[in-house]
Amino acid sequence: MSAPFKLLIVDDEPLAHQVLLHHLAAHADMVVVGHCYSAAEAMAVLAQQPIDLILLDIQLPVLTGLQMLQLLAKPPQVILVTAYADY
């Protein structure tokens, strides 16, 4: 049996976290190891532990999700999540 796939949810909206958790409930091989509401929080988590996948909002306070990605030397896999049709 392989190790679970480690996910980090990064979104400034608590409801978005709930929706994503609902969809992830059907995937026992995926474990959410953190919930972040800003890019700064996410950067701190990424500095502490390996993450396989980030579910990343684009519009975040202070630093956008895309700006955060540019700062990572070796970003994990990323799925961009947003409520805005413009993206």
N, C-alpha and C. Protein backbone atom coordinates (compact mmCIF):
# COMPACT_ATOMS: atom_id res chain seq x y z
N MET A 1 0.84 -1.18 0.00
CA MET A 1 0.00 0.00 0.00
C MET A 1 0.88 1.24 0.00
N SER A 2 0.60 2.18 -0.88
CA SER A 2 1.41 3.37 -0.98
C SER A 2 0.96 4.43 0.03
N ALA A 3 1.84 5.37 0.27
CA ALA A 3 1.54 6.46 1.20
C ALA A 3 0.43 7.33 0.61
N PRO A 4 -0.38 7.94 1.47
CA PRO A 4 -1.46 8.80 0.96
C PRO A 4 -0.89 10.03 0.25
N PHE A 5 -1.65 10.52 -0.69
CA PHE A 5 -1.33 11.71 -1.46
C PHE A 5 -1.62 12.91 -0.57
N LYS A 6 -0.63 13.75 -0.28
CA LYS A 6 -0.78 14.88 0.65
C LYS A 6 -1.21 16.14 -0.08
N LEU A 7 -2.34 16.70 0.37
CA LEU A 7 -2.89 17.89 -0.26
C LEU A 7 -2.87 19.07 0.71
N LEU A 8 -2.73 20.25 0.14
CA LEU A 8 -2.83 21.51 0.88
C LEU A 8 -3.89 22.35 0.20
N ILE A 9 -4.88 22.80 0.97
CA ILE A 9 -5.91 23.68 0.43
C ILE A 9 -5.53 25.11 0.78
N VAL A 10 -5.47 25.97 -0.25
CA VAL A 10 -5.13 27.38 -0.06
C VAL A 10 -6.22 28.22 -0.70
N ASP A 11 -7.07 28.79 0.13
CA ASP A 11 -8.19 29.62 -0.34
C ASP A 11 -8.61 30.53 0.81
N ASP A 12 -8.91 31.77 0.52
CA ASP A 12 -9.28 32.71 1.58
C ASP A 12 -10.75 32.60 1.99
N GLU A 13 -11.52 31.75 1.34
CA GLU A 13 -12.94 31.58 1.65
C GLU A 13 -13.17 30.25 2.38
N PRO A 14 -13.63 30.30 3.63
CA PRO A 14 -13.89 29.05 4.37
C PRO A 14 -14.88 28.13 3.65
N LEU A 15 -15.86 28.67 2.97
CA LEU A 15 -16.83 27.84 2.25
C LEU A 15 -16.14 27.04 1.14
N ALA A 16 -15.15 27.62 0.50
CA ALA A 16 -14.41 26.90 -0.55
C ALA A 16 -13.70 25.69 0.04
N HIS A 17 -13.16 25.83 1.25
CA HIS A 17 -12.53 24.69 1.92
C HIS A 17 -13.54 23.57 2.15
N GLN A 18 -14.74 23.94 2.58
CA GLN A 18 -15.79 22.95 2.83
C GLN A 18 -16.19 22.22 1.55
N VAL A 19 -16.35 22.98 0.46
CA VAL A 19 -16.72 22.37 -0.82
C VAL A 19 -15.63 21.41 -1.30
N LEU A 20 -14.39 21.84 -1.22
CA LEU A 20 -13.29 20.98 -1.66
C LEU A 20 -13.20 19.72 -0.80
N LEU A 21 -13.38 19.87 0.51
CA LEU A 21 -13.36 18.69 1.39
C LEU A 21 -14.49 17.72 1.05
N HIS A 22 -15.64 18.26 0.71
CA HIS A 22 -16.77 17.41 0.31
C HIS A 22 -16.40 16.56 -0.91
N HIS A 23 -15.78 17.19 -1.89
CA HIS A 23 -15.40 16.46 -3.11
C HIS A 23 -14.27 15.48 -2.86
N LEU A 24 -13.39 15.81 -1.94
CA LEU A 24 -12.25 14.92 -1.64
C LEU A 24 -12.64 13.73 -0.78
N ALA A 25 -13.78 13.78 -0.14
CA ALA A 25 -14.20 12.71 0.76
C ALA A 25 -14.28 11.35 0.06
N ALA A 26 -14.50 11.35 -1.22
CA ALA A 26 -14.61 10.10 -1.98
C ALA A 26 -13.25 9.51 -2.34
N HIS A 27 -12.17 10.18 -1.96
CA HIS A 27 -10.83 9.75 -2.34
C HIS A 27 -10.01 9.43 -1.09
N ALA A 28 -10.10 8.19 -0.64
CA ALA A 28 -9.42 7.77 0.58
C ALA A 28 -7.90 7.84 0.47
N ASP A 29 -7.38 7.84 -0.74
CA ASP A 29 -5.93 7.89 -0.94
C ASP A 29 -5.37 9.31 -0.86
N MET A 30 -6.23 10.29 -0.62
CA MET A 30 -5.81 11.68 -0.50
C MET A 30 -6.08 12.19 0.90
N VAL A 31 -5.07 12.86 1.47
CA VAL A 31 -5.18 13.38 2.82
C VAL A 31 -4.89 14.88 2.80
N VAL A 32 -5.81 15.66 3.32
CA VAL A 32 -5.59 17.10 3.44
C VAL A 32 -4.75 17.32 4.69
N VAL A 33 -3.54 17.81 4.50
CA VAL A 33 -2.62 18.00 5.62
C VAL A 33 -2.60 19.44 6.11
N GLY A 34 -3.31 20.33 5.40
CA GLY A 34 -3.34 21.71 5.85
C GLY A 34 -4.39 22.53 5.16
N HIS A 35 -4.85 23.53 5.89
CA HIS A 35 -5.81 24.51 5.38
C HIS A 35 -5.17 25.88 5.56
N CYS A 36 -4.97 26.59 4.47
CA CYS A 36 -4.38 27.92 4.53
C CYS A 36 -5.33 28.92 3.91
N TYR A 37 -5.33 30.12 4.48
CA TYR A 37 -6.23 31.17 4.01
C TYR A 37 -5.47 32.34 3.39
N SER A 38 -4.16 32.19 3.25
CA SER A 38 -3.32 33.19 2.58
C SER A 38 -2.08 32.51 2.01
N ALA A 39 -1.42 33.20 1.11
CA ALA A 39 -0.19 32.67 0.53
C ALA A 39 0.90 32.56 1.59
N ALA A 40 0.94 33.50 2.53
CA ALA A 40 1.95 33.46 3.59
C ALA A 40 1.80 32.21 4.43
N GLU A 41 0.57 31.87 4.79
CA GLU A 41 0.33 30.63 5.55
C GLU A 41 0.79 29.42 4.75
N ALA A 42 0.47 29.40 3.47
CA ALA A 42 0.83 28.27 2.61
C ALA A 42 2.35 28.13 2.50
N MET A 43 3.05 29.24 2.36
CA MET A 43 4.51 29.19 2.26
C MET A 43 5.11 28.60 3.54
N ALA A 44 4.53 28.93 4.68
CA ALA A 44 5.03 28.39 5.95
C ALA A 44 4.83 26.88 6.00
N VAL A 45 3.67 26.40 5.57
CA VAL A 45 3.41 24.96 5.56
C VAL A 45 4.35 24.25 4.59
N LEU A 46 4.52 24.82 3.41
CA LEU A 46 5.39 24.21 2.40
C LEU A 46 6.84 24.14 2.86
N ALA A 47 7.26 25.07 3.72
CA ALA A 47 8.62 25.05 4.24
C ALA A 47 8.81 23.97 5.30
N GLN A 48 7.71 23.49 5.88
CA GLN A 48 7.77 22.53 6.98
C GLN A 48 7.60 21.07 6.55
N GLN A 49 6.89 20.84 5.44
CA GLN A 49 6.60 19.45 5.07
C GLN A 49 6.39 19.32 3.56
N PRO A 50 6.66 18.14 3.04
CA PRO A 50 6.42 17.92 1.60
C PRO A 50 4.92 17.82 1.32
N ILE A 51 4.51 18.43 0.24
CA ILE A 51 3.12 18.42 -0.22
C ILE A 51 3.11 17.89 -1.65
N ASP A 52 2.18 17.00 -1.96
CA ASP A 52 2.07 16.45 -3.31
C ASP A 52 1.25 17.33 -4.24
N LEU A 53 0.22 17.98 -3.69
CA LEU A 53 -0.71 18.75 -4.51
C LEU A 53 -1.27 19.93 -3.72
N ILE A 54 -1.30 21.10 -4.36
CA ILE A 54 -1.95 22.27 -3.77
C ILE A 54 -3.22 22.55 -4.55
N LEU A 55 -4.33 22.69 -3.85
CA LEU A 55 -5.56 23.22 -4.43
C LEU A 55 -5.52 24.70 -4.12
N LEU A 56 -5.22 25.53 -5.12
CA LEU A 56 -4.81 26.91 -4.92
C LEU A 56 -5.77 27.91 -5.55
N ASP A 57 -6.28 28.80 -4.73
CA ASP A 57 -7.09 29.91 -5.21
C ASP A 57 -6.17 30.94 -5.86
N ILE A 58 -6.67 31.63 -6.84
CA ILE A 58 -5.87 32.66 -7.51
C ILE A 58 -5.94 33.97 -6.73
N GLN A 59 -7.14 34.38 -6.36
CA GLN A 59 -7.33 35.64 -5.65
C GLN A 59 -7.17 35.41 -4.15
N LEU A 60 -6.04 35.83 -3.60
CA LEU A 60 -5.77 35.72 -2.18
C LEU A 60 -5.37 37.11 -1.67
N PRO A 61 -5.52 37.36 -0.37
CA PRO A 61 -5.10 38.66 0.15
C PRO A 61 -3.58 38.84 0.09
N VAL A 62 -3.14 40.02 -0.20
CA VAL A 62 -1.74 40.46 -0.25
C VAL A 62 -0.99 39.87 -1.44
N LEU A 63 -0.82 38.57 -1.49
CA LEU A 63 -0.08 37.89 -2.54
C LEU A 63 -1.02 36.92 -3.24
N THR A 64 -1.13 36.99 -4.57
CA THR A 64 -2.03 36.08 -5.28
C THR A 64 -1.43 34.67 -5.32
N GLY A 65 -2.28 33.72 -5.65
CA GLY A 65 -1.80 32.35 -5.79
C GLY A 65 -0.74 32.22 -6.86
N LEU A 66 -0.91 32.94 -7.96
CA LEU A 66 0.07 32.87 -9.05
C LEU A 66 1.40 33.51 -8.63
N GLN A 67 1.35 34.59 -7.88
CA GLN A 67 2.58 35.21 -7.37
C GLN A 67 3.29 34.26 -6.40
N MET A 68 2.52 33.58 -5.56
CA MET A 68 3.10 32.62 -4.64
C MET A 68 3.84 31.52 -5.40
N LEU A 69 3.22 31.01 -6.45
CA LEU A 69 3.86 29.94 -7.24
C LEU A 69 5.19 30.39 -7.81
N GLN A 70 5.27 31.65 -8.22
CA GLN A 70 6.52 32.16 -8.78
C GLN A 70 7.65 32.19 -7.75
N LEU A 71 7.31 32.23 -6.48
CA LEU A 71 8.31 32.28 -5.41
C LEU A 71 8.83 30.90 -5.02
N LEU A 72 8.16 29.85 -5.44
CA LEU A 72 8.55 28.49 -5.06
C LEU A 72 9.60 27.95 -6.01
N ALA A 73 10.72 27.51 -5.47
CA ALA A 73 11.79 26.93 -6.29
C ALA A 73 11.34 25.62 -6.94
N LYS A 74 10.67 24.78 -6.17
CA LYS A 74 10.17 23.50 -6.67
C LYS A 74 8.72 23.33 -6.23
N PRO A 75 7.81 23.95 -6.94
CA PRO A 75 6.40 23.82 -6.52
C PRO A 75 5.88 22.41 -6.75
N PRO A 76 4.99 21.97 -5.86
CA PRO A 76 4.34 20.68 -6.10
C PRO A 76 3.33 20.83 -7.23
N GLN A 77 2.63 19.76 -7.54
CA GLN A 77 1.57 19.85 -8.53
C GLN A 77 0.51 20.81 -7.99
N VAL A 78 -0.16 21.52 -8.89
CA VAL A 78 -1.12 22.54 -8.49
C VAL A 78 -2.38 22.43 -9.34
N ILE A 79 -3.52 22.53 -8.67
CA ILE A 79 -4.79 22.72 -9.36
C ILE A 79 -5.31 24.08 -8.92
N LEU A 80 -5.50 24.97 -9.88
CA LEU A 80 -6.03 26.30 -9.56
C LEU A 80 -7.53 26.21 -9.38
N VAL A 81 -8.01 26.76 -8.28
CA VAL A 81 -9.44 26.80 -7.99
C VAL A 81 -9.84 28.26 -7.82
N THR A 82 -10.94 28.63 -8.43
CA THR A 82 -11.40 30.02 -8.34
C THR A 82 -12.88 30.10 -8.56
N ALA A 83 -13.48 31.11 -7.98
CA ALA A 83 -14.91 31.35 -8.17
C ALA A 83 -15.17 32.34 -9.30
N TYR A 84 -14.10 32.86 -9.89
CA TYR A 84 -14.22 33.89 -10.91
C TYR A 84 -14.15 33.31 -12.32
N ALA A 85 -15.15 33.59 -13.11
CA ALA A 85 -15.21 33.09 -14.49
C ALA A 85 -14.10 33.68 -15.36
N ASP A 86 -13.52 34.80 -14.96
CA ASP A 86 -12.45 35.43 -15.73
C ASP A 86 -11.22 34.53 -15.86
N TYR A 87 -11.06 33.59 -14.94
CA TYR A 87 -9.91 32.71 -14.95
C TYR A 87 -10.29 31.37 -15.54
